[in-house]
Amino acid sequence: MKQPLLYVAWIQALIGAAGSLIFSNVLGFPPCVLCWYQRIFLYPLVIILAIGIARKDKHIHWYVLPLSVMGLFIALYHNLLYYQLIPKSVAPCVQGISCTTQFIEWFGFITIPFLSFAAFSIITICMLLYRKKYE
């Protein structure tokens, strides 16, 4: 099996889930609506990938890709909204924290929406490369 790709995807999902919990529970950054949707698609990936690795499941991409691609689309939408490439009027964040609130900006461009997009991109790319090997 092409295990390194699975481990990279699993570690990325684990870091993403842990990071989101640290941002909200330790640093006190309240998640916006889009952040919650992204968490819904990210958190199960930690468990699904771990089980797939343990069982040496050659078809794990069938379980991971739907979640990672949906998370990727939501993260892309969140970034477009965050960087004002689409108007705030189409934002689902009508109550609570705004989806464009800036909590961090490392190196002038790394934001929480960017981190989410990067995580889902890495997981999706790993699964597409893995799938290519077995189909």
C-alpha atoms as a PDB file:
ATOM      1  CA  MET A   1       0.000   0.000   0.000  1.00  0.00           C
ATOM      2  CA  LYS A   2       1.010   3.576  -0.568  1.00  0.00           C
ATOM      3  CA  GLN A   3       1.008   4.352   3.173  1.00  0.00           C
ATOM      4  CA  PRO A   4       2.948   7.660   3.217  1.00  0.00           C
ATOM      5  CA  LEU A   5       0.104   9.498   1.464  1.00  0.00           C
ATOM      6  CA  LEU A   6      -2.381   8.155   3.986  1.00  0.00           C
ATOM      7  CA  TYR A   7      -0.177   9.157   6.892  1.00  0.00           C
ATOM      8  CA  VAL A   8       0.319  12.666   5.488  1.00  0.00           C
ATOM      9  CA  ALA A   9      -3.460  13.049   5.087  1.00  0.00           C
ATOM     10  CA  TRP A  10      -4.112  11.681   8.582  1.00  0.00           C
ATOM     11  CA  ILE A  11      -1.466  13.894  10.223  1.00  0.00           C
ATOM     12  CA  GLN A  12      -2.862  16.919   8.369  1.00  0.00           C
ATOM     13  CA  ALA A  13      -6.390  16.120   9.568  1.00  0.00           C
ATOM     14  CA  LEU A  14      -5.103  15.598  13.116  1.00  0.00           C
ATOM     15  CA  ILE A  15      -3.172  18.891  13.120  1.00  0.00           C
ATOM     16  CA  GLY A  16      -6.158  20.714  11.624  1.00  0.00           C
ATOM     17  CA  ALA A  17      -8.581  19.340  14.215  1.00  0.00           C
ATOM     18  CA  ALA A  18      -6.190  20.006  17.098  1.00  0.00           C
ATOM     19  CA  GLY A  19      -5.427  23.492  15.781  1.00  0.00           C
ATOM     20  CA  SER A  20      -9.095  24.424  15.505  1.00  0.00           C
ATOM     21  CA  LEU A  21      -9.709  23.248  19.062  1.00  0.00           C
ATOM     22  CA  ILE A  22      -6.705  25.217  20.327  1.00  0.00           C
ATOM     23  CA  PHE A  23      -7.874  28.358  18.515  1.00  0.00           C
ATOM     24  CA  SER A  24     -11.338  28.151  20.053  1.00  0.00           C
ATOM     25  CA  ASN A  25     -10.844  26.478  23.447  1.00  0.00           C
ATOM     26  CA  VAL A  26      -7.381  27.703  24.462  1.00  0.00           C
ATOM     27  CA  LEU A  27      -6.984  31.031  22.660  1.00  0.00           C
ATOM     28  CA  GLY A  28     -10.673  31.889  22.944  1.00  0.00           C
ATOM     29  CA  PHE A  29     -11.361  32.606  19.250  1.00  0.00           C
ATOM     30  CA  PRO A  30     -15.071  31.900  18.671  1.00  0.00           C
ATOM     31  CA  PRO A  31     -15.662  29.965  15.429  1.00  0.00           C
ATOM     32  CA  CYS A  32     -17.908  31.520  12.791  1.00  0.00           C
ATOM     33  CA  VAL A  33     -20.617  29.624  10.910  1.00  0.00           C
ATOM     34  CA  LEU A  34     -18.286  28.683   8.047  1.00  0.00           C
ATOM     35  CA  CYS A  35     -15.655  27.505  10.539  1.00  0.00           C
ATOM     36  CA  TRP A  36     -18.244  25.184  12.078  1.00  0.00           C
ATOM     37  CA  TYR A  37     -19.119  23.725   8.675  1.00  0.00           C
ATOM     38  CA  GLN A  38     -15.441  23.127   7.955  1.00  0.00           C
ATOM     39  CA  ARG A  39     -15.027  21.416  11.328  1.00  0.00           C
ATOM     40  CA  ILE A  40     -17.972  19.144  10.504  1.00  0.00           C
ATOM     41  CA  PHE A  41     -16.080  17.887   7.455  1.00  0.00           C
ATOM     42  CA  LEU A  42     -12.611  17.814   9.071  1.00  0.00           C
ATOM     43  CA  TYR A  43     -13.120  16.091  12.431  1.00  0.00           C
ATOM     44  CA  PRO A  44     -14.433  12.759  11.053  1.00  0.00           C
ATOM     45  CA  LEU A  45     -11.413  12.533   8.737  1.00  0.00           C
ATOM     46  CA  VAL A  46      -9.125  11.963  11.730  1.00  0.00           C
ATOM     47  CA  ILE A  47     -11.046   8.808  12.656  1.00  0.00           C
ATOM     48  CA  ILE A  48     -11.793   7.620   9.112  1.00  0.00           C
ATOM     49  CA  LEU A  49      -8.151   7.912   8.037  1.00  0.00           C
ATOM     50  CA  ALA A  50      -6.910   6.199  11.212  1.00  0.00           C
ATOM     51  CA  ILE A  51      -9.278   3.266  10.660  1.00  0.00           C
ATOM     52  CA  GLY A  52      -8.387   3.083   6.968  1.00  0.00           C
ATOM     53  CA  ILE A  53      -4.679   3.001   7.776  1.00  0.00           C
ATOM     54  CA  ALA A  54      -5.142   0.355  10.471  1.00  0.00           C
ATOM     55  CA  ARG A  55      -7.289  -1.839   8.192  1.00  0.00           C
ATOM     56  CA  LYS A  56      -5.069  -1.216   5.139  1.00  0.00           C
ATOM     57  CA  ASP A  57      -8.195  -0.233   3.223  1.00  0.00           C
ATOM     58  CA  LYS A  58      -7.302   0.314  -0.437  1.00  0.00           C
ATOM     59  CA  HIS A  59     -10.634   2.071  -1.000  1.00  0.00           C
ATOM     60  CA  ILE A  60     -10.282   4.678   1.738  1.00  0.00           C
ATOM     61  CA  HIS A  61     -10.413   7.457  -0.839  1.00  0.00           C
ATOM     62  CA  TRP A  62     -14.113   6.651  -1.344  1.00  0.00           C
ATOM     63  CA  TYR A  63     -14.762   7.664   2.280  1.00  0.00           C
ATOM     64  CA  VAL A  64     -12.325  10.555   2.560  1.00  0.00           C
ATOM     65  CA  LEU A  65     -12.768  12.433  -0.725  1.00  0.00           C
ATOM     66  CA  PRO A  66     -16.438  13.403  -0.272  1.00  0.00           C
ATOM     67  CA  LEU A  67     -15.636  14.994   3.094  1.00  0.00           C
ATOM     68  CA  SER A  68     -12.365  16.614   2.030  1.00  0.00           C
ATOM     69  CA  VAL A  69     -13.782  18.029  -1.217  1.00  0.00           C
ATOM     70  CA  MET A  70     -16.833  19.488   0.544  1.00  0.00           C
ATOM     71  CA  GLY A  71     -14.559  20.968   3.208  1.00  0.00           C
ATOM     72  CA  LEU A  72     -12.300  22.336   0.464  1.00  0.00           C
ATOM     73  CA  PHE A  73     -15.215  24.088  -1.265  1.00  0.00           C
ATOM     74  CA  ILE A  74     -16.404  25.631   1.998  1.00  0.00           C
ATOM     75  CA  ALA A  75     -12.837  26.723   2.808  1.00  0.00           C
ATOM     76  CA  LEU A  76     -12.486  28.243  -0.676  1.00  0.00           C
ATOM     77  CA  TYR A  77     -15.755  30.132  -0.226  1.00  0.00           C
ATOM     78  CA  HIS A  78     -14.598  31.287   3.224  1.00  0.00           C
ATOM     79  CA  ASN A  79     -11.319  32.594   1.770  1.00  0.00           C
ATOM     80  CA  LEU A  80     -13.086  34.405  -1.071  1.00  0.00           C
ATOM     81  CA  LEU A  81     -15.331  36.036   1.506  1.00  0.00           C
ATOM     82  CA  TYR A  82     -12.464  36.769   3.905  1.00  0.00           C
ATOM     83  CA  TYR A  83     -10.304  38.425   1.249  1.00  0.00           C
ATOM     84  CA  GLN A  84     -13.349  40.374  -0.021  1.00  0.00           C
ATOM     85  CA  LEU A  85     -13.374  38.751  -3.457  1.00  0.00           C
ATOM     86  CA  ILE A  86     -17.094  38.194  -2.986  1.00  0.00           C
ATOM     87  CA  PRO A  87     -19.398  40.615  -1.153  1.00  0.00           C
ATOM     88  CA  LYS A  88     -20.198  40.232   2.539  1.00  0.00           C
ATOM     89  CA  SER A  89     -23.881  40.346   1.650  1.00  0.00           C
ATOM     90  CA  VAL A  90     -23.666  36.688   0.526  1.00  0.00           C
ATOM     91  CA  ALA A  91     -22.114  35.580   3.821  1.00  0.00           C
ATOM     92  CA  PRO A  92     -24.053  33.067   5.919  1.00  0.00           C
ATOM     93  CA  CYS A  93     -22.732  34.722   9.087  1.00  0.00           C
ATOM     94  CA  VAL A  94     -25.723  36.792  10.140  1.00  0.00           C
ATOM     95  CA  GLN A  95     -25.556  35.997  13.855  1.00  0.00           C
ATOM     96  CA  GLY A  96     -22.564  35.664  16.111  1.00  0.00           C
ATOM     97  CA  ILE A  97     -19.016  36.201  14.955  1.00  0.00           C
ATOM     98  CA  SER A  98     -18.399  37.502  11.429  1.00  0.00           C
ATOM     99  CA  CYS A  99     -16.810  35.124   8.930  1.00  0.00           C
ATOM    100  CA  THR A 100     -14.331  37.876   8.061  1.00  0.00           C
ATOM    101  CA  THR A 101     -13.067  38.525  11.598  1.00  0.00           C
ATOM    102  CA  GLN A 102      -9.264  38.499  11.652  1.00  0.00           C
ATOM    103  CA  PHE A 103      -7.849  36.631  14.633  1.00  0.00           C
ATOM    104  CA  ILE A 104      -4.399  35.817  13.256  1.00  0.00           C
ATOM    105  CA  GLU A 105      -2.294  36.871  10.280  1.00  0.00           C
ATOM    106  CA  TRP A 106       1.067  35.157  10.377  1.00  0.00           C
ATOM    107  CA  PHE A 107       3.688  36.364   7.857  1.00  0.00           C
ATOM    108  CA  GLY A 108       1.122  38.793   6.469  1.00  0.00           C
ATOM    109  CA  PHE A 109      -1.053  36.183   4.718  1.00  0.00           C
ATOM    110  CA  ILE A 110      -1.618  33.066   6.853  1.00  0.00           C
ATOM    111  CA  THR A 111      -5.096  33.329   8.355  1.00  0.00           C
ATOM    112  CA  ILE A 112      -7.451  30.776   9.883  1.00  0.00           C
ATOM    113  CA  PRO A 113      -9.440  30.430   6.610  1.00  0.00           C
ATOM    114  CA  PHE A 114      -6.131  30.000   4.739  1.00  0.00           C
ATOM    115  CA  LEU A 115      -5.033  27.255   7.156  1.00  0.00           C
ATOM    116  CA  SER A 116      -8.305  25.424   6.609  1.00  0.00           C
ATOM    117  CA  PHE A 117      -7.998  25.698   2.836  1.00  0.00           C
ATOM    118  CA  ALA A 118      -4.418  24.408   2.988  1.00  0.00           C
ATOM    119  CA  ALA A 119      -5.413  21.467   5.204  1.00  0.00           C
ATOM    120  CA  PHE A 120      -8.301  20.369   2.977  1.00  0.00           C
ATOM    121  CA  SER A 121      -6.122  20.859  -0.124  1.00  0.00           C
ATOM    122  CA  ILE A 122      -3.362  18.636   1.261  1.00  0.00           C
ATOM    123  CA  ILE A 123      -5.820  15.926   2.319  1.00  0.00           C
ATOM    124  CA  THR A 124      -7.630  16.026  -1.037  1.00  0.00           C
ATOM    125  CA  ILE A 125      -4.399  15.934  -3.063  1.00  0.00           C
ATOM    126  CA  CYS A 126      -3.090  13.000  -1.006  1.00  0.00           C
ATOM    127  CA  MET A 127      -6.313  11.082  -1.619  1.00  0.00           C
ATOM    128  CA  LEU A 128      -6.352  11.841  -5.342  1.00  0.00           C
ATOM    129  CA  LEU A 129      -2.754  10.636  -5.681  1.00  0.00           C
ATOM    130  CA  TYR A 130      -3.558   7.571  -3.585  1.00  0.00           C
ATOM    131  CA  ARG A 131      -6.644   6.819  -5.699  1.00  0.00           C
ATOM    132  CA  LYS A 132      -4.605   7.107  -8.896  1.00  0.00           C
ATOM    133  CA  LYS A 133      -2.329   4.324  -7.639  1.00  0.00           C
ATOM    134  CA  TYR A 134      -5.216   1.902  -7.078  1.00  0.00           C
ATOM    135  CA  GLU A 135      -7.597   2.558  -9.969  1.00  0.00           C
END
